[in-house]
PDB file of all heavy atoms in Angstrom:
ATOM      1  N   ALA A   1      10.033  21.237   0.441  1.00  0.00           N
ATOM      2  CA  ALA A   1       8.930  20.526   0.791  1.00  0.00           C
ATOM      3  C   ALA A   1       8.847  19.193  -0.043  1.00  0.00           C
ATOM      4  O   ALA A   1       8.123  18.320   0.284  1.00  0.00           O
ATOM      5  CB  ALA A   1       7.592  21.313   0.612  1.00  0.00           C
ATOM      6  N   GLY A   2       9.439  19.141  -1.137  1.00  0.00           N
ATOM      7  CA  GLY A   2       9.409  18.027  -1.955  1.00  0.00           C
ATOM      8  C   GLY A   2       9.560  16.705  -1.454  1.00  0.00           C
ATOM      9  O   GLY A   2       8.990  15.611  -1.776  1.00  0.00           O
ATOM     10  N   GLU A   3      10.649  16.570  -0.602  1.00  0.00           N
ATOM     11  CA  GLU A   3      11.014  15.342  -0.096  1.00  0.00           C
ATOM     12  C   GLU A   3       9.881  14.620   0.845  1.00  0.00           C
ATOM     13  O   GLU A   3       9.641  13.596   0.850  1.00  0.00           O
ATOM     14  CB  GLU A   3      12.269  15.475   0.739  1.00  0.00           C
ATOM     15  CG  GLU A   3      13.001  14.229   1.035  1.00  0.00           C
ATOM     16  CD  GLU A   3      14.449  14.453   1.621  1.00  0.00           C
ATOM     17  OE1 GLU A   3      15.177  15.270   1.015  1.00  0.00           O
ATOM     18  OE2 GLU A   3      14.726  13.675   2.598  1.00  0.00           O
ATOM     19  N   PRO A   4       9.420  15.399   1.907  1.00  0.00           N
ATOM     20  CA  PRO A   4       8.438  14.677   2.872  1.00  0.00           C
ATOM     21  C   PRO A   4       6.988  14.528   2.351  1.00  0.00           C
ATOM     22  O   PRO A   4       6.307  13.793   2.823  1.00  0.00           O
ATOM     23  CB  PRO A   4       8.539  15.509   4.079  1.00  0.00           C
ATOM     24  CG  PRO A   4       8.908  16.840   3.568  1.00  0.00           C
ATOM     25  CD  PRO A   4       9.866  16.725   2.431  1.00  0.00           C
ATOM     26  N   VAL A   5       6.579  15.339   1.396  1.00  0.00           N
ATOM     27  CA  VAL A   5       5.323  15.329   0.935  1.00  0.00           C
ATOM     28  C   VAL A   5       4.667  14.100   0.423  1.00  0.00           C
ATOM     29  O   VAL A   5       3.646  13.652   0.928  1.00  0.00           O
ATOM     30  CB  VAL A   5       5.053  16.528  -0.116  1.00  0.00           C
ATOM     31  CG1 VAL A   5       3.640  16.342  -0.825  1.00  0.00           C
ATOM     32  CG2 VAL A   5       5.216  17.894   0.429  1.00  0.00           C
ATOM     33  N   PRO A   6       5.513  13.350  -0.328  1.00  0.00           N
ATOM     34  CA  PRO A   6       4.924  12.003  -0.798  1.00  0.00           C
ATOM     35  C   PRO A   6       4.665  11.021   0.423  1.00  0.00           C
ATOM     36  O   PRO A   6       3.961  10.166   0.405  1.00  0.00           O
ATOM     37  CB  PRO A   6       6.018  11.400  -1.696  1.00  0.00           C
ATOM     38  CG  PRO A   6       6.641  12.636  -2.252  1.00  0.00           C
ATOM     39  CD  PRO A   6       6.576  13.596  -1.174  1.00  0.00           C
ATOM     40  N   LEU A   7       5.402  11.221   1.547  1.00  0.00           N
ATOM     41  CA  LEU A   7       5.223  10.477   2.820  1.00  0.00           C
ATOM     42  C   LEU A   7       3.934  10.848   3.488  1.00  0.00           C
ATOM     43  O   LEU A   7       3.424  10.097   4.335  1.00  0.00           O
ATOM     44  CB  LEU A   7       6.349  10.536   3.701  1.00  0.00           C
ATOM     45  CG  LEU A   7       7.626  10.124   3.135  1.00  0.00           C
ATOM     46  CD1 LEU A   7       8.822  10.561   4.141  1.00  0.00           C
ATOM     47  CD2 LEU A   7       7.711   8.616   2.829  1.00  0.00           C
ATOM     48  N   PHE A   8       3.461  12.075   3.244  1.00  0.00           N
ATOM     49  CA  PHE A   8       2.301  12.747   3.855  1.00  0.00           C
ATOM     50  C   PHE A   8       1.010  12.000   3.391  1.00  0.00           C
ATOM     51  O   PHE A   8       0.175  11.730   4.278  1.00  0.00           O
ATOM     52  CB  PHE A   8       2.316  14.169   3.662  1.00  0.00           C
ATOM     53  CG  PHE A   8       0.975  14.912   4.188  1.00  0.00           C
ATOM     54  CD1 PHE A   8       0.628  14.841   5.485  1.00  0.00           C
ATOM     55  CD2 PHE A   8       0.104  15.576   3.270  1.00  0.00           C
ATOM     56  CE1 PHE A   8      -0.563  15.395   5.920  1.00  0.00           C
ATOM     57  CE2 PHE A   8      -0.978  16.113   3.695  1.00  0.00           C
ATOM     58  CZ  PHE A   8      -1.365  16.143   5.114  1.00  0.00           C
ATOM     59  N   HIS A   9       0.839  11.886   2.152  1.00  0.00           N
ATOM     60  CA  HIS A   9      -0.336  11.253   1.665  1.00  0.00           C
ATOM     61  C   HIS A   9      -0.137  10.488   0.436  1.00  0.00           C
ATOM     62  O   HIS A   9       0.670  11.107  -0.384  1.00  0.00           O
ATOM     63  CB  HIS A   9      -1.384  12.461   1.513  1.00  0.00           C
ATOM     64  CG  HIS A   9      -2.736  11.954   1.292  1.00  0.00           C
ATOM     65  ND1 HIS A   9      -3.225  11.305   0.117  1.00  0.00           N
ATOM     66  CD2 HIS A   9      -3.878  11.758   2.081  1.00  0.00           C
ATOM     67  CE1 HIS A   9      -4.546  10.970   0.237  1.00  0.00           C
ATOM     68  NE2 HIS A   9      -4.873  11.143   1.425  1.00  0.00           N
ATOM     69  N   PRO A  10      -0.771   9.410   0.105  1.00  0.00           N
ATOM     70  CA  PRO A  10      -0.556   8.616  -1.086  1.00  0.00           C
ATOM     71  C   PRO A  10      -0.768   9.380  -2.428  1.00  0.00           C
ATOM     72  O   PRO A  10      -0.199   9.156  -3.462  1.00  0.00           O
ATOM     73  CB  PRO A  10      -1.574   7.524  -1.044  1.00  0.00           C
ATOM     74  CG  PRO A  10      -1.892   7.329   0.364  1.00  0.00           C
ATOM     75  CD  PRO A  10      -1.704   8.776   1.023  1.00  0.00           C
ATOM     76  N   ILE A  11      -1.592  10.540  -2.536  1.00  0.00           N
ATOM     77  CA  ILE A  11      -1.854  11.193  -3.800  1.00  0.00           C
ATOM     78  C   ILE A  11      -0.585  11.683  -4.265  1.00  0.00           C
ATOM     79  O   ILE A  11      -0.352  12.141  -5.479  1.00  0.00           O
ATOM     80  CB  ILE A  11      -3.115  12.259  -3.753  1.00  0.00           C
ATOM     81  CG1 ILE A  11      -2.673  13.321  -2.647  1.00  0.00           C
ATOM     82  CG2 ILE A  11      -4.348  11.544  -3.384  1.00  0.00           C
ATOM     83  CD1 ILE A  11      -3.591  14.494  -2.961  1.00  0.00           C
ATOM     84  N   TRP A  12       0.460  12.066  -3.370  1.00  0.00           N
ATOM     85  CA  TRP A  12       1.592  12.716  -3.678  1.00  0.00           C
ATOM     86  C   TRP A  12       2.705  11.801  -4.095  1.00  0.00           C
ATOM     87  O   TRP A  12       3.813  12.237  -4.593  1.00  0.00           O
ATOM     88  CB  TRP A  12       2.082  13.643  -2.535  1.00  0.00           C
ATOM     89  CG  TRP A  12       1.037  14.672  -2.116  1.00  0.00           C
ATOM     90  CD1 TRP A  12       0.469  14.670  -0.948  1.00  0.00           C
ATOM     91  CD2 TRP A  12       0.592  15.760  -2.808  1.00  0.00           C
ATOM     92  NE1 TRP A  12      -0.467  15.688  -1.011  1.00  0.00           N
ATOM     93  CE2 TRP A  12      -0.293  16.400  -2.110  1.00  0.00           C
ATOM     94  CE3 TRP A  12       0.996  16.226  -4.144  1.00  0.00           C
ATOM     95  CZ2 TRP A  12      -1.067  17.609  -2.538  1.00  0.00           C
ATOM     96  CZ3 TRP A  12       0.259  17.454  -4.579  1.00  0.00           C
ATOM     97  CH2 TRP A  12      -0.700  18.012  -3.761  1.00  0.00           C
ATOM     98  N   VAL A  13       2.504  10.526  -3.894  1.00  0.00           N
ATOM     99  CA  VAL A  13       3.499   9.454  -4.115  1.00  0.00           C
ATOM    100  C   VAL A  13       3.985   9.631  -5.648  1.00  0.00           C
ATOM    101  O   VAL A  13       5.130   9.490  -6.076  1.00  0.00           O
ATOM    102  CB  VAL A  13       3.221   8.042  -3.808  1.00  0.00           C
ATOM    103  CG1 VAL A  13       4.165   7.011  -4.366  1.00  0.00           C
ATOM    104  CG2 VAL A  13       3.024   8.038  -2.238  1.00  0.00           C
ATOM    105  N   ASP A  14       2.897   9.562  -6.605  1.00  0.00           N
ATOM    106  CA  ASP A  14       3.123   9.573  -8.078  1.00  0.00           C
ATOM    107  C   ASP A  14       3.353  11.056  -8.577  1.00  0.00           C
ATOM    108  O   ASP A  14       3.436  11.095  -9.856  1.00  0.00           O
ATOM    109  CB  ASP A  14       2.173   8.716  -8.826  1.00  0.00           C
ATOM    110  CG  ASP A  14       2.162   7.295  -8.410  1.00  0.00           C
ATOM    111  OD1 ASP A  14       3.391   6.786  -8.072  1.00  0.00           O
ATOM    112  OD2 ASP A  14       1.154   6.622  -8.380  1.00  0.00           O
ATOM    113  N   ALA A  15       3.246  11.947  -7.842  1.00  0.00           N
ATOM    114  CA  ALA A  15       3.161  13.350  -8.348  1.00  0.00           C
ATOM    115  C   ALA A  15       4.616  13.671  -8.719  1.00  0.00           C
ATOM    116  O   ALA A  15       5.552  13.345  -8.053  1.00  0.00           O
ATOM    117  CB  ALA A  15       2.749  14.316  -7.259  1.00  0.00           C
ATOM    118  N   ASP A  16       4.708  14.543  -9.893  1.00  0.00           N
ATOM    119  CA  ASP A  16       5.842  15.003 -10.321  1.00  0.00           C
ATOM    120  C   ASP A  16       6.526  15.941  -9.461  1.00  0.00           C
ATOM    121  O   ASP A  16       5.859  16.805  -8.782  1.00  0.00           O
ATOM    122  CB  ASP A  16       5.716  15.651 -11.645  1.00  0.00           C
ATOM    123  CG  ASP A  16       6.927  16.168 -12.431  1.00  0.00           C
ATOM    124  OD1 ASP A  16       7.849  16.800 -11.812  1.00  0.00           O
ATOM    125  OD2 ASP A  16       6.953  16.034 -13.588  1.00  0.00           O
ATOM    126  N   PRO A  17       7.755  15.794  -9.073  1.00  0.00           N
ATOM    127  CA  PRO A  17       8.398  16.688  -8.060  1.00  0.00           C
ATOM    128  C   PRO A  17       8.254  18.108  -8.412  1.00  0.00           C
ATOM    129  O   PRO A  17       8.216  19.072  -7.505  1.00  0.00           O
ATOM    130  CB  PRO A  17       9.796  16.259  -8.055  1.00  0.00           C
ATOM    131  CG  PRO A  17       9.851  14.771  -8.576  1.00  0.00           C
ATOM    132  CD  PRO A  17       8.657  14.747  -9.499  1.00  0.00           C
ATOM    133  N   GLU A  18       8.217  18.504  -9.716  1.00  0.00           N
ATOM    134  CA  GLU A  18       7.996  19.869 -10.066  1.00  0.00           C
ATOM    135  C   GLU A  18       6.553  20.451  -9.684  1.00  0.00           C
ATOM    136  O   GLU A  18       6.434  21.518  -9.364  1.00  0.00           O
ATOM    137  CB  GLU A  18       8.124  20.005 -11.584  1.00  0.00           C
ATOM    138  CG  GLU A  18       9.646  19.812 -12.031  1.00  0.00           C
ATOM    139  CD  GLU A  18       9.778  20.171 -13.551  1.00  0.00           C
ATOM    140  OE1 GLU A  18       8.901  20.884 -14.165  1.00  0.00           O
ATOM    141  OE2 GLU A  18      10.973  19.728 -14.019  1.00  0.00           O
ATOM    142  N   ASP A  19       5.648  19.398  -9.723  1.00  0.00           N
ATOM    143  CA  ASP A  19       4.240  19.791  -9.342  1.00  0.00           C
ATOM    144  C   ASP A  19       4.181  20.026  -7.842  1.00  0.00           C
ATOM    145  O   ASP A  19       3.309  20.914  -7.353  1.00  0.00           O
ATOM    146  CB  ASP A  19       3.154  18.741  -9.853  1.00  0.00           C
ATOM    147  CG  ASP A  19       3.099  18.771 -11.445  1.00  0.00           C
ATOM    148  OD1 ASP A  19       3.287  19.742 -11.989  1.00  0.00           O
ATOM    149  OD2 ASP A  19       2.642  17.699 -11.917  1.00  0.00           O
ATOM    150  N   ILE A  20       4.882  19.256  -7.051  1.00  0.00           N
ATOM    151  CA  ILE A  20       4.951  19.429  -5.600  1.00  0.00           C
ATOM    152  C   ILE A  20       5.605  20.697  -5.328  1.00  0.00           C
ATOM    153  O   ILE A  20       5.161  21.447  -4.450  1.00  0.00           O
ATOM    154  CB  ILE A  20       5.638  18.196  -5.039  1.00  0.00           C
ATOM    155  CG1 ILE A  20       4.864  16.971  -5.159  1.00  0.00           C
ATOM    156  CG2 ILE A  20       6.056  18.591  -3.532  1.00  0.00           C
ATOM    157  CD1 ILE A  20       5.569  15.602  -4.656  1.00  0.00           C
ATOM    158  N   ALA A  21       6.644  21.109  -5.996  1.00  0.00           N
ATOM    159  CA  ALA A  21       7.323  22.366  -5.792  1.00  0.00           C
ATOM    160  C   ALA A  21       6.435  23.486  -6.115  1.00  0.00           C
ATOM    161  O   ALA A  21       6.446  24.537  -5.498  1.00  0.00           O
ATOM    162  CB  ALA A  21       8.642  22.384  -6.656  1.00  0.00           C
ATOM    163  N   PHE A  22       5.630  23.323  -7.240  1.00  0.00           N
ATOM    164  CA  PHE A  22       4.677  24.426  -7.709  1.00  0.00           C
ATOM    165  C   PHE A  22       3.677  24.516  -6.573  1.00  0.00           C
ATOM    166  O   PHE A  22       3.276  25.699  -6.171  1.00  0.00           O
ATOM    167  CB  PHE A  22       3.986  23.773  -9.011  1.00  0.00           C
ATOM    168  CG  PHE A  22       2.848  24.724  -9.520  1.00  0.00           C
ATOM    169  CD1 PHE A  22       3.195  25.859 -10.145  1.00  0.00           C
ATOM    170  CD2 PHE A  22       1.607  24.369  -9.385  1.00  0.00           C
ATOM    171  CE1 PHE A  22       2.199  26.694 -10.740  1.00  0.00           C
ATOM    172  CE2 PHE A  22       0.603  25.168  -9.857  1.00  0.00           C
ATOM    173  CZ  PHE A  22       0.919  26.346 -10.582  1.00  0.00           C
ATOM    174  N   ALA A  23       3.073  23.444  -6.120  1.00  0.00           N
ATOM    175  CA  ALA A  23       2.133  23.479  -4.975  1.00  0.00           C
ATOM    176  C   ALA A  23       2.569  24.280  -3.778  1.00  0.00           C
ATOM    177  O   ALA A  23       2.082  25.112  -3.129  1.00  0.00           O
ATOM    178  CB  ALA A  23       1.608  22.148  -4.561  1.00  0.00           C
ATOM    179  N   ASP A  24       3.883  23.930  -3.356  1.00  0.00           N
ATOM    180  CA  ASP A  24       4.473  24.469  -2.236  1.00  0.00           C
ATOM    181  C   ASP A  24       4.754  26.007  -2.398  1.00  0.00           C
ATOM    182  O   ASP A  24       4.469  26.832  -1.612  1.00  0.00           O
ATOM    183  CB  ASP A  24       5.908  23.881  -1.860  1.00  0.00           C
ATOM    184  CG  ASP A  24       6.377  24.247  -0.536  1.00  0.00           C
ATOM    185  OD1 ASP A  24       5.568  24.182   0.451  1.00  0.00           O
ATOM    186  OD2 ASP A  24       7.527  24.556  -0.474  1.00  0.00           O
ATOM    187  N   SER A  25       5.248  26.407  -3.581  1.00  0.00           N
ATOM    188  CA  SER A  25       5.508  27.829  -3.847  1.00  0.00           C
ATOM    189  C   SER A  25       4.300  28.602  -4.000  1.00  0.00           C
ATOM    190  O   SER A  25       4.417  29.814  -3.684  1.00  0.00           O
ATOM    191  CB  SER A  25       6.502  27.996  -4.974  1.00  0.00           C
ATOM    192  OG  SER A  25       5.819  27.640  -6.212  1.00  0.00           O
ATOM    193  N   HIS A  26       3.256  28.056  -4.446  1.00  0.00           N
ATOM    194  CA  HIS A  26       2.027  28.893  -4.681  1.00  0.00           C
ATOM    195  C   HIS A  26       1.010  28.787  -3.750  1.00  0.00           C
ATOM    196  O   HIS A  26       0.084  29.657  -3.548  1.00  0.00           O
ATOM    197  CB  HIS A  26       1.315  28.391  -6.118  1.00  0.00           C
ATOM    198  CG  HIS A  26       2.076  28.913  -7.165  1.00  0.00           C
ATOM    199  ND1 HIS A  26       3.176  28.162  -7.871  1.00  0.00           N
ATOM    200  CD2 HIS A  26       1.917  29.912  -8.096  1.00  0.00           C
ATOM    201  CE1 HIS A  26       3.542  28.821  -8.861  1.00  0.00           C
ATOM    202  NE2 HIS A  26       2.867  29.914  -8.952  1.00  0.00           N
ATOM    203  N   ALA A  27       1.047  27.802  -2.808  1.00  0.00           N
ATOM    204  CA  ALA A  27      -0.001  27.659  -1.828  1.00  0.00           C
ATOM    205  C   ALA A  27       0.349  27.130  -0.406  1.00  0.00           C
ATOM    206  O   ALA A  27       0.053  27.726   0.616  1.00  0.00           O
ATOM    207  CB  ALA A  27      -1.167  26.592  -2.378  1.00  0.00           C
ATOM    208  N   ALA A  28       1.239  26.103  -0.364  1.00  0.00           N
ATOM    209  CA  ALA A  28       1.591  25.450   0.884  1.00  0.00           C
ATOM    210  C   ALA A  28       2.554  26.242   1.705  1.00  0.00           C
ATOM    211  O   ALA A  28       2.548  26.157   2.905  1.00  0.00           O
ATOM    212  CB  ALA A  28       1.902  24.019   0.812  1.00  0.00           C
ATOM    213  N   HIS A  29       3.676  26.596   1.001  1.00  0.00           N
ATOM    214  CA  HIS A  29       4.582  27.403   1.580  1.00  0.00           C
ATOM    215  C   HIS A  29       5.444  26.801   2.826  1.00  0.00           C
ATOM    216  O   HIS A  29       5.859  27.362   3.793  1.00  0.00           O
ATOM    217  CB  HIS A  29       4.220  28.749   2.033  1.00  0.00           C
ATOM    218  CG  HIS A  29       3.487  29.597   1.047  1.00  0.00           C
ATOM    219  ND1 HIS A  29       4.175  30.085  -0.127  1.00  0.00           N
ATOM    220  CD2 HIS A  29       2.176  29.778   0.879  1.00  0.00           C
ATOM    221  CE1 HIS A  29       3.171  30.633  -0.897  1.00  0.00           C
ATOM    222  NE2 HIS A  29       2.040  30.484  -0.385  1.00  0.00           N
ATOM    223  N   GLY A  30       5.503  25.377   2.661  1.00  0.00           N
ATOM    224  CA  GLY A  30       6.158  24.560   3.765  1.00  0.00           C
ATOM    225  C   GLY A  30       5.347  24.314   5.008  1.00  0.00           C
ATOM    226  O   GLY A  30       5.903  23.819   6.029  1.00  0.00           O
ATOM    227  N   ASN A  31       4.136  24.824   4.921  1.00  0.00           N
ATOM    228  CA  ASN A  31       3.393  24.736   6.157  1.00  0.00           C
ATOM    229  C   ASN A  31       2.407  23.462   6.172  1.00  0.00           C
ATOM    230  O   ASN A  31       1.702  23.221   5.211  1.00  0.00           O
ATOM    231  CB  ASN A  31       2.503  25.884   6.239  1.00  0.00           C
ATOM    232  CG  ASN A  31       1.496  26.024   7.434  1.00  0.00           C
ATOM    233  OD1 ASN A  31       0.432  25.348   7.434  1.00  0.00           O
ATOM    234  ND2 ASN A  31       1.999  26.800   8.434  1.00  0.00           N
ATOM    235  N   PHE A  32       2.561  22.738   7.155  1.00  0.00           N
ATOM    236  CA  PHE A  32       1.787  21.431   7.298  1.00  0.00           C
ATOM    237  C   PHE A  32       0.367  21.516   7.150  1.00  0.00           C
ATOM    238  O   PHE A  32      -0.363  20.839   6.372  1.00  0.00           O
ATOM    239  CB  PHE A  32       2.058  20.697   8.591  1.00  0.00           C
ATOM    240  CG  PHE A  32       1.434  19.223   8.653  1.00  0.00           C
ATOM    241  CD1 PHE A  32       2.049  18.120   7.950  1.00  0.00           C
ATOM    242  CD2 PHE A  32       0.363  19.040   9.368  1.00  0.00           C
ATOM    243  CE1 PHE A  32       1.467  16.992   7.871  1.00  0.00           C
ATOM    244  CE2 PHE A  32      -0.178  17.834   9.422  1.00  0.00           C
ATOM    245  CZ  PHE A  32       0.310  16.818   8.652  1.00  0.00           C
ATOM    246  N   ARG A  33      -0.241  22.578   7.964  1.00  0.00           N
ATOM    247  CA  ARG A  33      -1.642  22.811   7.802  1.00  0.00           C
ATOM    248  C   ARG A  33      -2.122  23.164   6.379  1.00  0.00           C
ATOM    249  O   ARG A  33      -3.180  22.649   5.915  1.00  0.00           O
ATOM    250  CB  ARG A  33      -2.012  23.976   8.823  1.00  0.00           C
ATOM    251  CG  ARG A  33      -3.609  24.043   8.903  1.00  0.00           C
ATOM    252  CD  ARG A  33      -3.972  25.059   9.969  1.00  0.00           C
ATOM    253  NE  ARG A  33      -3.460  24.557  11.223  1.00  0.00           N
ATOM    254  CZ  ARG A  33      -4.095  24.758  12.402  1.00  0.00           C
ATOM    255  NH1 ARG A  33      -4.996  25.720  12.418  1.00  0.00           N
ATOM    256  NH2 ARG A  33      -3.540  24.219  13.440  1.00  0.00           N
ATOM    257  N   ALA A  34      -1.235  23.996   5.741  1.00  0.00           N
ATOM    258  CA  ALA A  34      -1.694  24.251   4.334  1.00  0.00           C
ATOM    259  C   ALA A  34      -1.662  23.061   3.436  1.00  0.00           C
ATOM    260  O   ALA A  34      -2.323  22.877   2.585  1.00  0.00           O
ATOM    261  CB  ALA A  34      -0.666  25.437   3.888  1.00  0.00           C
ATOM    262  N   TRP A  35      -0.558  22.260   3.627  1.00  0.00           N
ATOM    263  CA  TRP A  35      -0.520  20.921   2.953  1.00  0.00           C
ATOM    264  C   TRP A  35      -1.756  20.083   3.191  1.00  0.00           C
ATOM    265  O   TRP A  35      -2.261  19.511   2.167  1.00  0.00           O
ATOM    266  CB  TRP A  35       0.714  20.231   3.217  1.00  0.00           C
ATOM    267  CG  TRP A  35       1.989  20.715   2.295  1.00  0.00           C
ATOM    268  CD1 TRP A  35       3.000  21.296   2.717  1.00  0.00           C
ATOM    269  CD2 TRP A  35       2.105  20.488   1.027  1.00  0.00           C
ATOM    270  NE1 TRP A  35       3.822  21.652   1.538  1.00  0.00           N
ATOM    271  CE2 TRP A  35       3.389  20.998   0.511  1.00  0.00           C
ATOM    272  CE3 TRP A  35       1.348  19.749   0.000  1.00  0.00           C
ATOM    273  CZ2 TRP A  35       3.690  21.010  -0.790  1.00  0.00           C
ATOM    274  CZ3 TRP A  35       1.748  19.756  -1.333  1.00  0.00           C
ATOM    275  CH2 TRP A  35       2.925  20.363  -1.723  1.00  0.00           C
ATOM    276  N   ALA A  36      -2.173  20.118   4.414  1.00  0.00           N
ATOM    277  CA  ALA A  36      -3.364  19.213   4.761  1.00  0.00           C
ATOM    278  C   ALA A  36      -4.628  19.784   3.952  1.00  0.00           C
ATOM    279  O   ALA A  36      -5.446  19.079   3.415  1.00  0.00           O
ATOM    280  CB  ALA A  36      -3.683  19.210   6.209  1.00  0.00           C
ATOM    281  N   GLN A  37      -4.761  21.105   3.969  1.00  0.00           N
ATOM    282  CA  GLN A  37      -5.984  21.718   3.159  1.00  0.00           C
ATOM    283  C   GLN A  37      -5.722  21.391   1.689  1.00  0.00           C
ATOM    284  O   GLN A  37      -6.659  21.081   1.139  1.00  0.00           O
ATOM    285  CB  GLN A  37      -5.989  23.165   3.533  1.00  0.00           C
ATOM    286  CG  GLN A  37      -6.390  23.651   4.920  1.00  0.00           C
ATOM    287  CD  GLN A  37      -6.604  25.013   5.048  1.00  0.00           C
ATOM    288  OE1 GLN A  37      -5.677  25.855   4.729  1.00  0.00           O
ATOM    289  NE2 GLN A  37      -7.691  25.422   5.459  1.00  0.00           N
ATOM    290  N   LEU A  38      -4.555  21.710   1.210  1.00  0.00           N
ATOM    291  CA  LEU A  38      -4.330  21.494  -0.147  1.00  0.00           C
ATOM    292  C   LEU A  38      -4.692  19.961  -0.636  1.00  0.00           C
ATOM    293  O   LEU A  38      -5.240  19.675  -1.603  1.00  0.00           O
ATOM    294  CB  LEU A  38      -2.998  21.887  -0.601  1.00  0.00           C
ATOM    295  CG  LEU A  38      -2.564  21.841  -2.089  1.00  0.00           C
ATOM    296  CD1 LEU A  38      -3.523  22.625  -2.842  1.00  0.00           C
ATOM    297  CD2 LEU A  38      -1.185  22.196  -2.286  1.00  0.00           C
ATOM    298  N   THR A  39      -4.211  19.042   0.280  1.00  0.00           N
ATOM    299  CA  THR A  39      -4.335  17.622  -0.099  1.00  0.00           C
ATOM    300  C   THR A  39      -5.886  17.277  -0.047  1.00  0.00           C
ATOM    301  O   THR A  39      -6.284  16.584  -0.998  1.00  0.00           O
ATOM    302  CB  THR A  39      -3.538  16.882   1.009  1.00  0.00           C
ATOM    303  OG1 THR A  39      -2.233  17.193   0.882  1.00  0.00           O
ATOM    304  CG2 THR A  39      -3.879  15.333   0.840  1.00  0.00           C
ATOM    305  N   ALA A  40      -6.597  17.865   0.917  1.00  0.00           N
ATOM    306  CA  ALA A  40      -8.117  17.722   0.888  1.00  0.00           C
ATOM    307  C   ALA A  40      -8.770  18.044  -0.402  1.00  0.00           C
ATOM    308  O   ALA A  40      -9.500  17.360  -1.019  1.00  0.00           O
ATOM    309  CB  ALA A  40      -8.787  18.245   2.136  1.00  0.00           C
ATOM    310  N   HIS A  41      -8.428  19.315  -0.864  1.00  0.00           N
ATOM    311  CA  HIS A  41      -9.090  19.897  -2.102  1.00  0.00           C
ATOM    312  C   HIS A  41      -8.554  19.050  -3.347  1.00  0.00           C
ATOM    313  O   HIS A  41      -9.228  18.942  -4.298  1.00  0.00           O
ATOM    314  CB  HIS A  41      -8.706  21.313  -2.112  1.00  0.00           C
ATOM    315  CG  HIS A  41      -9.430  22.113  -1.183  1.00  0.00           C
ATOM    316  ND1 HIS A  41     -10.927  22.158  -1.045  1.00  0.00           N
ATOM    317  CD2 HIS A  41      -9.040  23.002  -0.162  1.00  0.00           C
ATOM    318  CE1 HIS A  41     -11.205  22.997  -0.041  1.00  0.00           C
ATOM    319  NE2 HIS A  41     -10.041  23.429   0.549  1.00  0.00           N
ATOM    320  N   THR A  42      -7.198  18.586  -3.208  1.00  0.00           N
ATOM    321  CA  THR A  42      -6.748  17.914  -4.389  1.00  0.00           C
ATOM    322  C   THR A  42      -7.482  16.609  -4.464  1.00  0.00           C
ATOM    323  O   THR A  42      -7.546  16.095  -5.565  1.00  0.00           O
ATOM    324  CB  THR A  42      -5.156  17.729  -4.263  1.00  0.00           C
ATOM    325  OG1 THR A  42      -4.680  19.236  -4.099  1.00  0.00           O
ATOM    326  CG2 THR A  42      -4.492  17.284  -5.458  1.00  0.00           C
ATOM    327  N   ARG A  43      -7.626  15.941  -3.370  1.00  0.00           N
ATOM    328  CA  ARG A  43      -8.328  14.655  -3.396  1.00  0.00           C
ATOM    329  C   ARG A  43      -9.693  14.859  -3.963  1.00  0.00           C
ATOM    330  O   ARG A  43     -10.240  13.978  -4.858  1.00  0.00           O
ATOM    331  CB  ARG A  43      -8.409  14.090  -2.053  1.00  0.00           C
ATOM    332  CG  ARG A  43      -7.130  13.738  -1.429  1.00  0.00           C
ATOM    333  CD  ARG A  43      -7.439  12.960  -0.024  1.00  0.00           C
ATOM    334  NE  ARG A  43      -8.222  11.710  -0.229  1.00  0.00           N
ATOM    335  CZ  ARG A  43      -9.152  11.385   0.664  1.00  0.00           C
ATOM    336  NH1 ARG A  43      -9.264  12.019   1.841  1.00  0.00           N
ATOM    337  NH2 ARG A  43      -9.904  10.318   0.501  1.00  0.00           N
ATOM    338  N   THR A  44     -10.443  15.930  -3.670  1.00  0.00           N
ATOM    339  CA  THR A  44     -11.741  16.189  -4.172  1.00  0.00           C
ATOM    340  C   THR A  44     -11.590  16.370  -5.778  1.00  0.00           C
ATOM    341  O   THR A  44     -12.445  15.905  -6.476  1.00  0.00           O
ATOM    342  CB  THR A  44     -12.344  17.457  -3.613  1.00  0.00           C
ATOM    343  OG1 THR A  44     -12.568  17.200  -2.146  1.00  0.00           O
ATOM    344  CG2 THR A  44     -13.753  17.794  -4.209  1.00  0.00           C
ATOM    345  N   ALA A  45     -10.553  17.143  -6.170  1.00  0.00           N
ATOM    346  CA  ALA A  45     -10.349  17.370  -7.672  1.00  0.00           C
ATOM    347  C   ALA A  45     -10.144  16.083  -8.371  1.00  0.00           C
ATOM    348  O   ALA A  45     -10.643  15.859  -9.374  1.00  0.00           O
ATOM    349  CB  ALA A  45      -9.250  18.456  -7.839  1.00  0.00           C
ATOM    350  N   LEU A  46      -9.209  15.215  -7.725  1.00  0.00           N
ATOM    351  CA  LEU A  46      -8.963  13.867  -8.387  1.00  0.00           C
ATOM    352  C   LEU A  46     -10.270  13.016  -8.518  1.00  0.00           C
ATOM    353  O   LEU A  46     -10.576  12.401  -9.569  1.00  0.00           O
ATOM    354  CB  LEU A  46      -7.934  13.166  -7.630  1.00  0.00           C
ATOM    355  CG  LEU A  46      -6.516  13.689  -7.734  1.00  0.00           C
ATOM    356  CD1 LEU A  46      -5.681  13.034  -6.551  1.00  0.00           C
ATOM    357  CD2 LEU A  46      -5.983  13.290  -8.990  1.00  0.00           C
TER     358      LEU A  46
END
């Protein structure tokens, strides 16, 4: 998932690739809908 995620939303552009992999393995599992939900909650947290 690490390669396309920074293209999905600007919050992922500066994210460490290890953090993107962490997010994918713990929550998103390569699923676009899960990445969308995770991105929304991550934006709120930021």
